[in-house]
PDB file of N, CA and C in Angstrom:
ATOM      1  N   MET A   1     -14.777 -14.722  10.542  1.00  0.00           N
ATOM      2  CA  MET A   1     -14.872 -13.518  11.027  1.00  0.00           C
ATOM      3  C   MET A   1     -14.320 -12.407  10.779  1.00  0.00           C
ATOM      4  N   SER A   2     -14.067 -11.605  10.075  1.00  0.00           N
ATOM      5  CA  SER A   2     -13.380 -10.877   9.536  1.00  0.00           C
ATOM      6  C   SER A   2     -12.925  -9.365  10.484  1.00  0.00           C
ATOM      7  N   ARG A   3     -11.937  -8.962  10.667  1.00  0.00           N
ATOM      8  CA  ARG A   3     -12.307  -7.308  11.542  1.00  0.00           C
ATOM      9  C   ARG A   3     -11.388  -6.588  10.458  1.00  0.00           C
ATOM     10  N   LYS A   4     -11.708  -5.184  10.338  1.00  0.00           N
ATOM     11  CA  LYS A   4     -11.387  -3.981   9.774  1.00  0.00           C
ATOM     12  C   LYS A   4     -10.577  -3.631  10.709  1.00  0.00           C
ATOM     13  N   ALA A   5      -9.456  -3.222  10.373  1.00  0.00           N
ATOM     14  CA  ALA A   5      -8.628  -2.218  11.035  1.00  0.00           C
ATOM     15  C   ALA A   5      -7.843  -1.219  10.342  1.00  0.00           C
ATOM     16  N   ASP A   6      -7.524  -0.237  11.083  1.00  0.00           N
ATOM     17  CA  ASP A   6      -7.103   0.877  10.624  1.00  0.00           C
ATOM     18  C   ASP A   6      -5.402   0.584  10.122  1.00  0.00           C
ATOM     19  N   LEU A   7      -5.402   1.038   9.035  1.00  0.00           N
ATOM     20  CA  LEU A   7      -3.405   0.862   8.802  1.00  0.00           C
ATOM     21  C   LEU A   7      -2.727   1.582   9.616  1.00  0.00           C
ATOM     22  N   MET A   8      -1.387   1.099   9.905  1.00  0.00           N
ATOM     23  CA  MET A   8      -0.568   1.505  10.694  1.00  0.00           C
ATOM     24  C   MET A   8       0.122   2.755  10.016  1.00  0.00           C
ATOM     25  N   PRO A   9       0.618   4.245  10.430  1.00  0.00           N
ATOM     26  CA  PRO A   9       0.604   5.044  10.081  1.00  0.00           C
ATOM     27  C   PRO A   9       2.108   4.809   9.166  1.00  0.00           C
ATOM     28  N   GLY A  10       2.359   5.408   8.036  1.00  0.00           N
ATOM     29  CA  GLY A  10       3.581   4.973   7.547  1.00  0.00           C
ATOM     30  C   GLY A  10       3.281   3.965   6.628  1.00  0.00           C
ATOM     31  N   THR A  11       2.779   3.217   6.549  1.00  0.00           N
ATOM     32  CA  THR A  11       2.440   1.897   5.749  1.00  0.00           C
ATOM     33  C   THR A  11       1.935   1.646   4.104  1.00  0.00           C
ATOM     34  N   LEU A  12       0.665   3.060   4.505  1.00  0.00           N
ATOM     35  CA  LEU A  12       0.280   2.720   2.842  1.00  0.00           C
ATOM     36  C   LEU A  12       1.078   2.850   1.672  1.00  0.00           C
ATOM     37  N   ASP A  13       1.805   3.867   1.555  1.00  0.00           N
ATOM     38  CA  ASP A  13       2.676   4.110   0.466  1.00  0.00           C
ATOM     39  C   ASP A  13       3.746   2.711   0.660  1.00  0.00           C
ATOM     40  N   MET A  14       3.844   2.269   1.631  1.00  0.00           N
ATOM     41  CA  MET A  14       4.976   0.902   0.904  1.00  0.00           C
ATOM     42  C   MET A  14       3.593  -0.248   0.658  1.00  0.00           C
ATOM     43  N   MET A  15       2.720  -0.157   1.079  1.00  0.00           N
ATOM     44  CA  MET A  15       1.872  -1.264   0.591  1.00  0.00           C
ATOM     45  C   MET A  15       1.448  -0.788  -0.677  1.00  0.00           C
ATOM     46  N   ILE A  16       0.826   0.272  -1.020  1.00  0.00           N
ATOM     47  CA  ILE A  16       0.734   0.625  -2.869  1.00  0.00           C
ATOM     48  C   ILE A  16       1.830   0.171  -3.414  1.00  0.00           C
ATOM     49  N   LEU A  17       3.384   0.451  -3.462  1.00  0.00           N
ATOM     50  CA  LEU A  17       4.179   0.120  -3.723  1.00  0.00           C
ATOM     51  C   LEU A  17       4.723  -1.311  -4.212  1.00  0.00           C
ATOM     52  N   LYS A  18       3.961  -1.893  -3.482  1.00  0.00           N
ATOM     53  CA  LYS A  18       3.991  -3.450  -3.303  1.00  0.00           C
ATOM     54  C   LYS A  18       3.602  -3.613  -4.083  1.00  0.00           C
ATOM     55  N   THR A  19       2.020  -3.571  -3.936  1.00  0.00           N
ATOM     56  CA  THR A  19       0.819  -3.674  -5.090  1.00  0.00           C
ATOM     57  C   THR A  19       1.215  -3.683  -6.251  1.00  0.00           C
ATOM     58  N   LEU A  20       1.894  -2.948  -6.183  1.00  0.00           N
ATOM     59  CA  LEU A  20       2.602  -2.414  -7.974  1.00  0.00           C
ATOM     60  C   LEU A  20       3.394  -3.319  -8.285  1.00  0.00           C
ATOM     61  N   THR A  21       3.995  -3.947  -8.140  1.00  0.00           N
ATOM     62  CA  THR A  21       5.009  -4.808  -8.190  1.00  0.00           C
ATOM     63  C   THR A  21       4.513  -6.043  -8.801  1.00  0.00           C
ATOM     64  N   ARG A  22       3.160  -6.179  -8.666  1.00  0.00           N
ATOM     65  CA  ARG A  22       2.624  -7.126  -9.341  1.00  0.00           C
ATOM     66  C   ARG A  22       1.848  -6.607 -11.040  1.00  0.00           C
ATOM     67  N   GLY A  23       2.137  -5.161 -11.387  1.00  0.00           N
ATOM     68  CA  GLY A  23       1.733  -4.931 -12.490  1.00  0.00           C
ATOM     69  C   GLY A  23       1.135  -3.621 -12.487  1.00  0.00           C
ATOM     70  N   SER A  24       0.746  -3.051 -13.165  1.00  0.00           N
ATOM     71  CA  SER A  24       0.025  -1.349 -13.469  1.00  0.00           C
ATOM     72  C   SER A  24      -1.543  -1.662 -12.740  1.00  0.00           C
ATOM     73  N   LEU A  25      -1.962  -0.755 -12.273  1.00  0.00           N
ATOM     74  CA  LEU A  25      -3.346  -0.717 -11.875  1.00  0.00           C
ATOM     75  C   LEU A  25      -3.676   0.277 -11.586  1.00  0.00           C
ATOM     76  N   HIS A  26      -5.324   0.741 -11.712  1.00  0.00           N
ATOM     77  CA  HIS A  26      -5.761   1.436 -11.329  1.00  0.00           C
ATOM     78  C   HIS A  26      -6.194   2.175 -10.024  1.00  0.00           C
ATOM     79  N   GLY A  27      -6.446   3.087  -9.505  1.00  0.00           N
ATOM     80  CA  GLY A  27      -6.921   3.682  -7.944  1.00  0.00           C
ATOM     81  C   GLY A  27      -7.560   2.516  -7.354  1.00  0.00           C
ATOM     82  N   TYR A  28      -8.650   2.154  -8.223  1.00  0.00           N
ATOM     83  CA  TYR A  28      -9.422   1.336  -7.284  1.00  0.00           C
ATOM     84  C   TYR A  28      -8.893  -0.157  -7.238  1.00  0.00           C
ATOM     85  N   ALA A  29      -8.578  -0.347  -8.487  1.00  0.00           N
ATOM     86  CA  ALA A  29      -7.767  -1.761  -8.157  1.00  0.00           C
ATOM     87  C   ALA A  29      -6.853  -2.152  -7.017  1.00  0.00           C
ATOM     88  N   ILE A  30      -5.974  -0.765  -6.937  1.00  0.00           N
ATOM     89  CA  ILE A  30      -5.062  -1.124  -5.768  1.00  0.00           C
ATOM     90  C   ILE A  30      -5.813  -1.221  -4.493  1.00  0.00           C
ATOM     91  N   ALA A  31      -6.506  -0.638  -3.842  1.00  0.00           N
ATOM     92  CA  ALA A  31      -7.272  -0.886  -2.616  1.00  0.00           C
ATOM     93  C   ALA A  31      -8.020  -2.266  -2.807  1.00  0.00           C
ATOM     94  N   GLN A  32      -8.667  -2.243  -3.955  1.00  0.00           N
ATOM     95  CA  GLN A  32      -9.142  -4.004  -3.965  1.00  0.00           C
ATOM     96  C   GLN A  32      -8.190  -5.179  -3.544  1.00  0.00           C
ATOM     97  N   SER A  33      -6.875  -4.595  -4.320  1.00  0.00           N
ATOM     98  CA  SER A  33      -6.073  -5.653  -4.330  1.00  0.00           C
ATOM     99  C   SER A  33      -5.394  -5.722  -2.811  1.00  0.00           C
ATOM    100  N   ILE A  34      -5.243  -4.636  -1.937  1.00  0.00           N
ATOM    101  CA  ILE A  34      -4.980  -4.305  -0.424  1.00  0.00           C
ATOM    102  C   ILE A  34      -5.302  -5.333   0.156  1.00  0.00           C
ATOM    103  N   ARG A  35      -7.142  -4.627  -0.224  1.00  0.00           N
ATOM    104  CA  ARG A  35      -8.173  -5.461   0.725  1.00  0.00           C
ATOM    105  C   ARG A  35      -8.268  -6.989   0.572  1.00  0.00           C
ATOM    106  N   GLN A  36      -8.001  -7.591  -0.523  1.00  0.00           N
ATOM    107  CA  GLN A  36      -8.086  -9.057  -0.942  1.00  0.00           C
ATOM    108  C   GLN A  36      -6.745  -9.407  -0.405  1.00  0.00           C
ATOM    109  N   MET A  37      -5.834  -8.937  -0.470  1.00  0.00           N
ATOM    110  CA  MET A  37      -4.377  -9.585   0.150  1.00  0.00           C
ATOM    111  C   MET A  37      -4.065  -9.495   1.592  1.00  0.00           C
ATOM    112  N   SER A  38      -5.315  -8.877   1.993  1.00  0.00           N
ATOM    113  CA  SER A  38      -5.366  -9.007   3.531  1.00  0.00           C
ATOM    114  C   SER A  38      -6.425  -9.771   4.400  1.00  0.00           C
ATOM    115  N   ASP A  39      -6.620 -10.126   3.271  1.00  0.00           N
ATOM    116  CA  ASP A  39      -8.094 -11.534   3.733  1.00  0.00           C
ATOM    117  C   ASP A  39      -9.294 -10.203   4.208  1.00  0.00           C
ATOM    118  N   ASP A  40      -9.485  -9.073   3.796  1.00  0.00           N
ATOM    119  CA  ASP A  40     -10.542  -7.717   4.069  1.00  0.00           C
ATOM    120  C   ASP A  40     -10.038  -7.141   5.268  1.00  0.00           C
ATOM    121  N   VAL A  41      -9.257  -7.510   6.286  1.00  0.00           N
ATOM    122  CA  VAL A  41      -8.875  -6.913   7.104  1.00  0.00           C
ATOM    123  C   VAL A  41      -8.283  -5.385   7.104  1.00  0.00           C
ATOM    124  N   LEU A  42      -7.726  -5.155   5.942  1.00  0.00           N
ATOM    125  CA  LEU A  42      -7.264  -3.665   5.796  1.00  0.00           C
ATOM    126  C   LEU A  42      -8.221  -3.176   4.451  1.00  0.00           C
ATOM    127  N   THR A  43      -8.552  -1.996   4.939  1.00  0.00           N
ATOM    128  CA  THR A  43      -9.504  -1.167   3.856  1.00  0.00           C
ATOM    129  C   THR A  43      -8.689  -0.184   3.581  1.00  0.00           C
ATOM    130  N   VAL A  44      -8.783   0.846   1.985  1.00  0.00           N
ATOM    131  CA  VAL A  44      -8.167   1.883   1.808  1.00  0.00           C
ATOM    132  C   VAL A  44      -8.958   2.804   1.661  1.00  0.00           C
ATOM    133  N   GLU A  45      -9.396   3.652   1.694  1.00  0.00           N
ATOM    134  CA  GLU A  45     -10.337   4.751   1.551  1.00  0.00           C
ATOM    135  C   GLU A  45      -9.390   5.275   0.556  1.00  0.00           C
ATOM    136  N   GLU A  46     -10.588   6.460  -0.416  1.00  0.00           N
ATOM    137  CA  GLU A  46      -9.985   7.174  -1.215  1.00  0.00           C
ATOM    138  C   GLU A  46      -9.662   8.043  -0.908  1.00  0.00           C
ATOM    139  N   GLY A  47      -9.975   8.661   0.396  1.00  0.00           N
ATOM    140  CA  GLY A  47      -9.496  10.090   1.146  1.00  0.00           C
ATOM    141  C   GLY A  47      -7.848  10.164   1.237  1.00  0.00           C
ATOM    142  N   SER A  48      -7.606   8.571   1.545  1.00  0.00           N
ATOM    143  CA  SER A  48      -6.455   8.478   1.953  1.00  0.00           C
ATOM    144  C   SER A  48      -5.420   7.727   0.813  1.00  0.00           C
ATOM    145  N   LEU A  49      -5.936   7.201  -0.478  1.00  0.00           N
ATOM    146  CA  LEU A  49      -5.549   6.753  -1.429  1.00  0.00           C
ATOM    147  C   LEU A  49      -4.711   7.413  -2.779  1.00  0.00           C
ATOM    148  N   TYR A  50      -5.658   8.510  -2.870  1.00  0.00           N
ATOM    149  CA  TYR A  50      -5.346   9.364  -4.124  1.00  0.00           C
ATOM    150  C   TYR A  50      -4.409  10.347  -3.299  1.00  0.00           C
ATOM    151  N   PRO A  51      -4.618  10.829  -1.878  1.00  0.00           N
ATOM    152  CA  PRO A  51      -3.368  11.631  -1.853  1.00  0.00           C
ATOM    153  C   PRO A  51      -1.928  11.037  -1.961  1.00  0.00           C
ATOM    154  N   ALA A  52      -2.314   9.394  -1.227  1.00  0.00           N
ATOM    155  CA  ALA A  52      -1.095   8.570  -1.327  1.00  0.00           C
ATOM    156  C   ALA A  52      -0.120   8.829  -2.614  1.00  0.00           C
ATOM    157  N   LEU A  53      -1.118   8.410  -3.747  1.00  0.00           N
ATOM    158  CA  LEU A  53      -0.754   8.436  -4.871  1.00  0.00           C
ATOM    159  C   LEU A  53      -0.045   9.712  -5.684  1.00  0.00           C
ATOM    160  N   GLN A  54      -0.479  10.779  -4.899  1.00  0.00           N
ATOM    161  CA  GLN A  54       0.143  11.534  -5.673  1.00  0.00           C
ATOM    162  C   GLN A  54       1.166  11.985  -5.249  1.00  0.00           C
ATOM    163  N   ARG A  55       1.464  11.590  -3.663  1.00  0.00           N
ATOM    164  CA  ARG A  55       2.589  11.784  -3.560  1.00  0.00           C
ATOM    165  C   ARG A  55       3.877  10.642  -3.748  1.00  0.00           C
ATOM    166  N   LEU A  56       3.433   9.973  -4.170  1.00  0.00           N
ATOM    167  CA  LEU A  56       4.257   8.892  -4.968  1.00  0.00           C
ATOM    168  C   LEU A  56       4.877   9.196  -6.637  1.00  0.00           C
ATOM    169  N   LEU A  57       3.389   9.882  -6.945  1.00  0.00           N
ATOM    170  CA  LEU A  57       3.696  10.341  -8.462  1.00  0.00           C
ATOM    171  C   LEU A  57       4.663  11.969  -8.051  1.00  0.00           C
ATOM    172  N   LEU A  58       4.909  12.474  -7.430  1.00  0.00           N
ATOM    173  CA  LEU A  58       5.825  13.507  -6.730  1.00  0.00           C
ATOM    174  C   LEU A  58       7.144  13.126  -6.649  1.00  0.00           C
ATOM    175  N   GLU A  59       7.082  12.045  -5.769  1.00  0.00           N
ATOM    176  CA  GLU A  59       8.144  11.162  -5.753  1.00  0.00           C
ATOM    177  C   GLU A  59       9.136  10.806  -6.892  1.00  0.00           C
ATOM    178  N   ALA A  60       8.557  10.540  -7.937  1.00  0.00           N
ATOM    179  CA  ALA A  60       8.606  10.088  -9.156  1.00  0.00           C
ATOM    180  C   ALA A  60       9.151   8.259  -8.699  1.00  0.00           C
ATOM    181  N   TRP A  61       7.930   7.832  -7.468  1.00  0.00           N
ATOM    182  CA  TRP A  61       8.235   6.108  -7.212  1.00  0.00           C
ATOM    183  C   TRP A  61       7.236   5.359  -8.410  1.00  0.00           C
ATOM    184  N   VAL A  62       6.318   6.264  -8.790  1.00  0.00           N
ATOM    185  CA  VAL A  62       5.326   5.443  -9.588  1.00  0.00           C
ATOM    186  C   VAL A  62       5.310   6.889 -10.735  1.00  0.00           C
ATOM    187  N   LYS A  63       4.648   6.058 -11.620  1.00  0.00           N
ATOM    188  CA  LYS A  63       4.065   6.822 -13.093  1.00  0.00           C
ATOM    189  C   LYS A  63       2.674   6.588 -12.937  1.00  0.00           C
ATOM    190  N   ALA A  64       1.877   7.520 -14.156  1.00  0.00           N
ATOM    191  CA  ALA A  64       0.554   7.298 -14.000  1.00  0.00           C
ATOM    192  C   ALA A  64       0.124   7.927 -15.778  1.00  0.00           C
ATOM    193  N   GLU A  65      -0.746   6.944 -16.487  1.00  0.00           N
ATOM    194  CA  GLU A  65      -1.720   7.373 -17.674  1.00  0.00           C
ATOM    195  C   GLU A  65      -2.648   7.037 -17.872  1.00  0.00           C
ATOM    196  N   TRP A  66      -3.787   8.048 -18.496  1.00  0.00           N
ATOM    197  CA  TRP A  66      -4.947   7.911 -18.659  1.00  0.00           C
ATOM    198  C   TRP A  66      -5.185   6.629 -19.689  1.00  0.00           C
ATOM    199  N   LYS A  67      -5.679   5.532 -19.285  1.00  0.00           N
ATOM    200  CA  LYS A  67      -6.246   4.653 -20.437  1.00  0.00           C
ATOM    201  C   LYS A  67      -7.794   4.508 -20.238  1.00  0.00           C
ATOM    202  N   ARG A  68      -8.193   3.510 -21.183  1.00  0.00           N
ATOM    203  CA  ARG A  68      -9.589   3.332 -21.171  1.00  0.00           C
ATOM    204  C   ARG A  68      -9.781   1.866 -21.065  1.00  0.00           C
ATOM    205  N   THR A  69     -10.944   1.475 -19.881  1.00  0.00           N
ATOM    206  CA  THR A  69     -11.080   0.194 -19.815  1.00  0.00           C
ATOM    207  C   THR A  69     -12.192  -0.425 -20.474  1.00  0.00           C
ATOM    208  N   PRO A  70     -12.157  -2.223 -20.451  1.00  0.00           N
ATOM    209  CA  PRO A  70     -13.061  -2.920 -21.447  1.00  0.00           C
ATOM    210  C   PRO A  70     -14.515  -1.989 -21.791  1.00  0.00           C
ATOM    211  N   SER A  71     -14.660  -1.628 -20.426  1.00  0.00           N
ATOM    212  CA  SER A  71     -16.460  -0.674 -20.804  1.00  0.00           C
ATOM    213  C   SER A  71     -16.225   0.510 -21.063  1.00  0.00           C
ATOM    214  N   ASN A  72     -14.881   0.824 -21.486  1.00  0.00           N
ATOM    215  CA  ASN A  72     -14.334   2.799 -22.049  1.00  0.00           C
ATOM    216  C   ASN A  72     -14.559   3.788 -21.241  1.00  0.00           C
ATOM    217  N   ARG A  73     -14.362   3.273 -20.057  1.00  0.00           N
ATOM    218  CA  ARG A  73     -14.229   4.078 -18.905  1.00  0.00           C
ATOM    219  C   ARG A  73     -13.187   4.795 -18.365  1.00  0.00           C
ATOM    220  N   ARG A  74     -12.446   5.586 -18.695  1.00  0.00           N
ATOM    221  CA  ARG A  74     -11.243   6.776 -18.331  1.00  0.00           C
ATOM    222  C   ARG A  74     -11.129   6.618 -17.421  1.00  0.00           C
ATOM    223  N   VAL A  75      -9.689   5.536 -16.814  1.00  0.00           N
ATOM    224  CA  VAL A  75      -8.907   5.775 -15.992  1.00  0.00           C
ATOM    225  C   VAL A  75      -7.619   5.976 -15.621  1.00  0.00           C
ATOM    226  N   ARG A  76      -7.036   6.375 -14.576  1.00  0.00           N
ATOM    227  CA  ARG A  76      -5.423   6.648 -14.342  1.00  0.00           C
ATOM    228  C   ARG A  76      -4.736   5.333 -13.754  1.00  0.00           C
ATOM    229  N   VAL A  77      -3.524   4.952 -14.926  1.00  0.00           N
ATOM    230  CA  VAL A  77      -3.004   3.739 -13.984  1.00  0.00           C
ATOM    231  C   VAL A  77      -1.755   3.748 -13.701  1.00  0.00           C
ATOM    232  N   TYR A  78      -1.503   3.641 -12.836  1.00  0.00           N
ATOM    233  CA  TYR A  78      -0.388   3.836 -11.965  1.00  0.00           C
ATOM    234  C   TYR A  78       0.850   2.513 -12.405  1.00  0.00           C
ATOM    235  N   THR A  79       1.991   3.342 -12.112  1.00  0.00           N
ATOM    236  CA  THR A  79       2.944   2.041 -12.443  1.00  0.00           C
ATOM    237  C   THR A  79       3.797   2.128 -11.740  1.00  0.00           C
ATOM    238  N   LEU A  80       4.586   1.320 -10.961  1.00  0.00           N
ATOM    239  CA  LEU A  80       6.022   1.186 -10.381  1.00  0.00           C
ATOM    240  C   LEU A  80       7.082   1.547 -11.119  1.00  0.00           C
ATOM    241  N   THR A  81       8.351   2.912 -10.539  1.00  0.00           N
ATOM    242  CA  THR A  81       9.076   2.925 -11.733  1.00  0.00           C
ATOM    243  C   THR A  81      10.247   2.314 -10.498  1.00  0.00           C
ATOM    244  N   ALA A  82      11.858   2.065 -11.596  1.00  0.00           N
ATOM    245  CA  ALA A  82      12.698   1.654 -10.470  1.00  0.00           C
ATOM    246  C   ALA A  82      13.305   1.986  -9.763  1.00  0.00           C
ATOM    247  N   THR A  83      12.911   4.046  -9.438  1.00  0.00           N
ATOM    248  CA  THR A  83      13.074   4.436  -8.446  1.00  0.00           C
ATOM    249  C   THR A  83      12.367   3.887  -7.500  1.00  0.00           C
ATOM    250  N   GLY A  84      11.076   3.689  -7.565  1.00  0.00           N
ATOM    251  CA  GLY A  84       9.730   3.030  -6.672  1.00  0.00           C
ATOM    252  C   GLY A  84       9.935   1.775  -6.170  1.00  0.00           C
ATOM    253  N   ARG A  85      10.951   1.081  -6.843  1.00  0.00           N
ATOM    254  CA  ARG A  85      10.942  -0.368  -6.815  1.00  0.00           C
ATOM    255  C   ARG A  85      12.313  -0.206  -5.568  1.00  0.00           C
ATOM    256  N   LYS A  86      13.598   0.448  -5.970  1.00  0.00           N
ATOM    257  CA  LYS A  86      14.376   0.924  -5.123  1.00  0.00           C
ATOM    258  C   LYS A  86      13.761   1.399  -3.649  1.00  0.00           C
ATOM    259  N   GLN A  87      12.814   2.584  -3.712  1.00  0.00           N
ATOM    260  CA  GLN A  87      12.231   3.244  -2.401  1.00  0.00           C
ATOM    261  C   GLN A  87      11.491   1.874  -1.712  1.00  0.00           C
ATOM    262  N   LEU A  88      11.096   0.665  -2.227  1.00  0.00           N
ATOM    263  CA  LEU A  88      10.039  -0.080  -1.915  1.00  0.00           C
ATOM    264  C   LEU A  88      11.058  -0.747  -0.959  1.00  0.00           C
ATOM    265  N   GLY A  89      12.145  -1.179  -1.221  1.00  0.00           N
ATOM    266  CA  GLY A  89      13.312  -1.718  -0.689  1.00  0.00           C
ATOM    267  C   GLY A  89      13.868  -1.218   0.688  1.00  0.00           C
ATOM    268  N   VAL A  90      13.596   0.206   0.866  1.00  0.00           N
ATOM    269  CA  VAL A  90      13.860   1.099   1.950  1.00  0.00           C
ATOM    270  C   VAL A  90      12.773   1.035   2.983  1.00  0.00           C
ATOM    271  N   GLU A  91      11.513   1.146   2.266  1.00  0.00           N
ATOM    272  CA  GLU A  91      10.511   0.608   2.861  1.00  0.00           C
ATOM    273  C   GLU A  91      10.318  -0.285   3.625  1.00  0.00           C
ATOM    274  N   LEU A  92      10.667  -1.270   3.339  1.00  0.00           N
ATOM    275  CA  LEU A  92      10.423  -2.824   3.660  1.00  0.00           C
ATOM    276  C   LEU A  92      11.467  -3.125   4.965  1.00  0.00           C
ATOM    277  N   SER A  93      12.559  -2.613   4.429  1.00  0.00           N
ATOM    278  CA  SER A  93      13.708  -2.449   5.797  1.00  0.00           C
ATOM    279  C   SER A  93      13.165  -1.758   6.621  1.00  0.00           C
ATOM    280  N   ARG A  94      12.761  -0.939   6.882  1.00  0.00           N
ATOM    281  CA  ARG A  94      12.026   0.140   7.490  1.00  0.00           C
ATOM    282  C   ARG A  94      11.018  -0.859   8.314  1.00  0.00           C
ATOM    283  N   PHE A  95      10.344  -1.385   7.565  1.00  0.00           N
ATOM    284  CA  PHE A  95       9.064  -1.814   8.586  1.00  0.00           C
ATOM    285  C   PHE A  95       9.348  -3.003   9.266  1.00  0.00           C
ATOM    286  N   GLU A  96      10.339  -3.948   8.344  1.00  0.00           N
ATOM    287  CA  GLU A  96      11.160  -5.058   9.497  1.00  0.00           C
ATOM    288  C   GLU A  96      11.576  -4.852  10.594  1.00  0.00           C
ATOM    289  N   GLN A  97      12.732  -3.490  10.395  1.00  0.00           N
ATOM    290  CA  GLN A  97      13.338  -3.258  11.695  1.00  0.00           C
ATOM    291  C   GLN A  97      11.919  -2.731  13.263  1.00  0.00           C
ATOM    292  N   MET A  98      11.126  -2.346  12.421  1.00  0.00           N
ATOM    293  CA  MET A  98       9.918  -1.736  13.553  1.00  0.00           C
ATOM    294  C   MET A  98       9.064  -2.868  13.615  1.00  0.00           C
ATOM    295  N   VAL A  99       9.041  -4.123  13.211  1.00  0.00           N
ATOM    296  CA  VAL A  99       8.042  -4.844  13.475  1.00  0.00           C
ATOM    297  C   VAL A  99       8.830  -5.855  14.416  1.00  0.00           C
ATOM    298  N   ALA A 100      10.483  -6.008  14.059  1.00  0.00           N
ATOM    299  CA  ALA A 100      10.967  -6.161  15.371  1.00  0.00           C
ATOM    300  C   ALA A 100      11.870  -6.391  16.368  1.00  0.00           C
ATOM    301  N   ALA A 101      11.394  -4.393  16.572  1.00  0.00           N
ATOM    302  CA  ALA A 101      11.644  -3.872  17.842  1.00  0.00           C
ATOM    303  C   ALA A 101      10.124  -3.826  18.830  1.00  0.00           C
ATOM    304  N   ILE A 102       9.195  -3.863  18.091  1.00  0.00           N
ATOM    305  CA  ILE A 102       7.565  -4.079  18.784  1.00  0.00           C
ATOM    306  C   ILE A 102       7.825  -5.095  19.365  1.00  0.00           C
ATOM    307  N   GLY A 103       8.372  -6.650  18.307  1.00  0.00           N
ATOM    308  CA  GLY A 103       8.422  -7.679  18.733  1.00  0.00           C
ATOM    309  C   GLY A 103       8.750  -7.588  20.144  1.00  0.00           C
ATOM    310  N   ARG A 104      10.174  -7.291  20.183  1.00  0.00           N
ATOM    311  CA  ARG A 104      11.087  -7.360  21.440  1.00  0.00           C
ATOM    312  C   ARG A 104      10.331  -6.835  22.765  1.00  0.00           C
ATOM    313  N   VAL A 105       9.652  -5.357  22.421  1.00  0.00           N
ATOM    314  CA  VAL A 105       8.592  -5.229  23.721  1.00  0.00           C
ATOM    315  C   VAL A 105       7.562  -5.821  24.133  1.00  0.00           C
ATOM    316  N   MET A 106       7.094  -6.206  23.139  1.00  0.00           N
ATOM    317  CA  MET A 106       5.957  -7.227  23.535  1.00  0.00           C
ATOM    318  C   MET A 106       6.390  -8.620  24.240  1.00  0.00           C
ATOM    319  N   ARG A 107       7.354  -8.629  23.920  1.00  0.00           N
ATOM    320  CA  ARG A 107       7.920 -10.079  24.411  1.00  0.00           C
ATOM    321  C   ARG A 107       7.805 -10.198  26.054  1.00  0.00           C
ATOM    322  N   ASP A 108       7.925  -9.276  26.443  1.00  0.00           N
ATOM    323  CA  ASP A 108       7.969  -9.740  27.987  1.00  0.00           C
ATOM    324  C   ASP A 108       6.450  -8.771  28.626  1.00  0.00           C
ATOM    325  N   VAL A 109       5.929  -8.275  28.002  1.00  0.00           N
ATOM    326  CA  VAL A 109       4.380  -7.657  28.131  1.00  0.00           C
ATOM    327  C   VAL A 109       3.571  -9.393  28.468  1.00  0.00           C
ATOM    328  N   GLU A 110       2.973  -9.291  29.810  1.00  0.00           N
ATOM    329  CA  GLU A 110       2.010 -10.117  29.790  1.00  0.00           C
ATOM    330  C   GLU A 110       0.528  -9.457  29.840  1.00  0.00           C
ATOM    331  N   VAL A 111      -0.396 -10.505  29.523  1.00  0.00           N
ATOM    332  CA  VAL A 111      -1.747  -9.775  29.051  1.00  0.00           C
ATOM    333  C   VAL A 111      -2.344 -10.668  30.276  1.00  0.00           C
ATOM    334  N   GLU A 112      -3.279  -9.814  31.254  1.00  0.00           N
ATOM    335  CA  GLU A 112      -4.416 -10.743  31.947  1.00  0.00           C
ATOM    336  C   GLU A 112      -5.425 -10.340  31.045  1.00  0.00           C
ATOM    337  N   GLY A 113      -6.464 -11.618  31.686  1.00  0.00           N
ATOM    338  CA  GLY A 113      -7.573 -11.661  30.818  1.00  0.00           C
ATOM    339  C   GLY A 113      -8.682 -11.692  31.252  1.00  0.00           C
TER     340      GLY A 113
END
């Protein structure tokens, strides 16, 4: 049984950058990759994905170019830049610090059922 979950705030950019380490993709394929890699737990809606991609373009963490699919559909394909790869390292470090901090807080919490 899968359960859909909201993305943790601040993690979408990091997941997009990580997804693009495997190669260039168009927006829909990025969203599908994140969904598949999370075993259908995480879904990225267009209303969140495309503003995030625009933000990453403005930061020069990704670049984009228009291409044609095999079915001749025009799509914008995103590629991770060297600056984006460095930023991914920063984002991963911050994320790991946050996960460790949450883990320390939650370790002492007893849950009553």
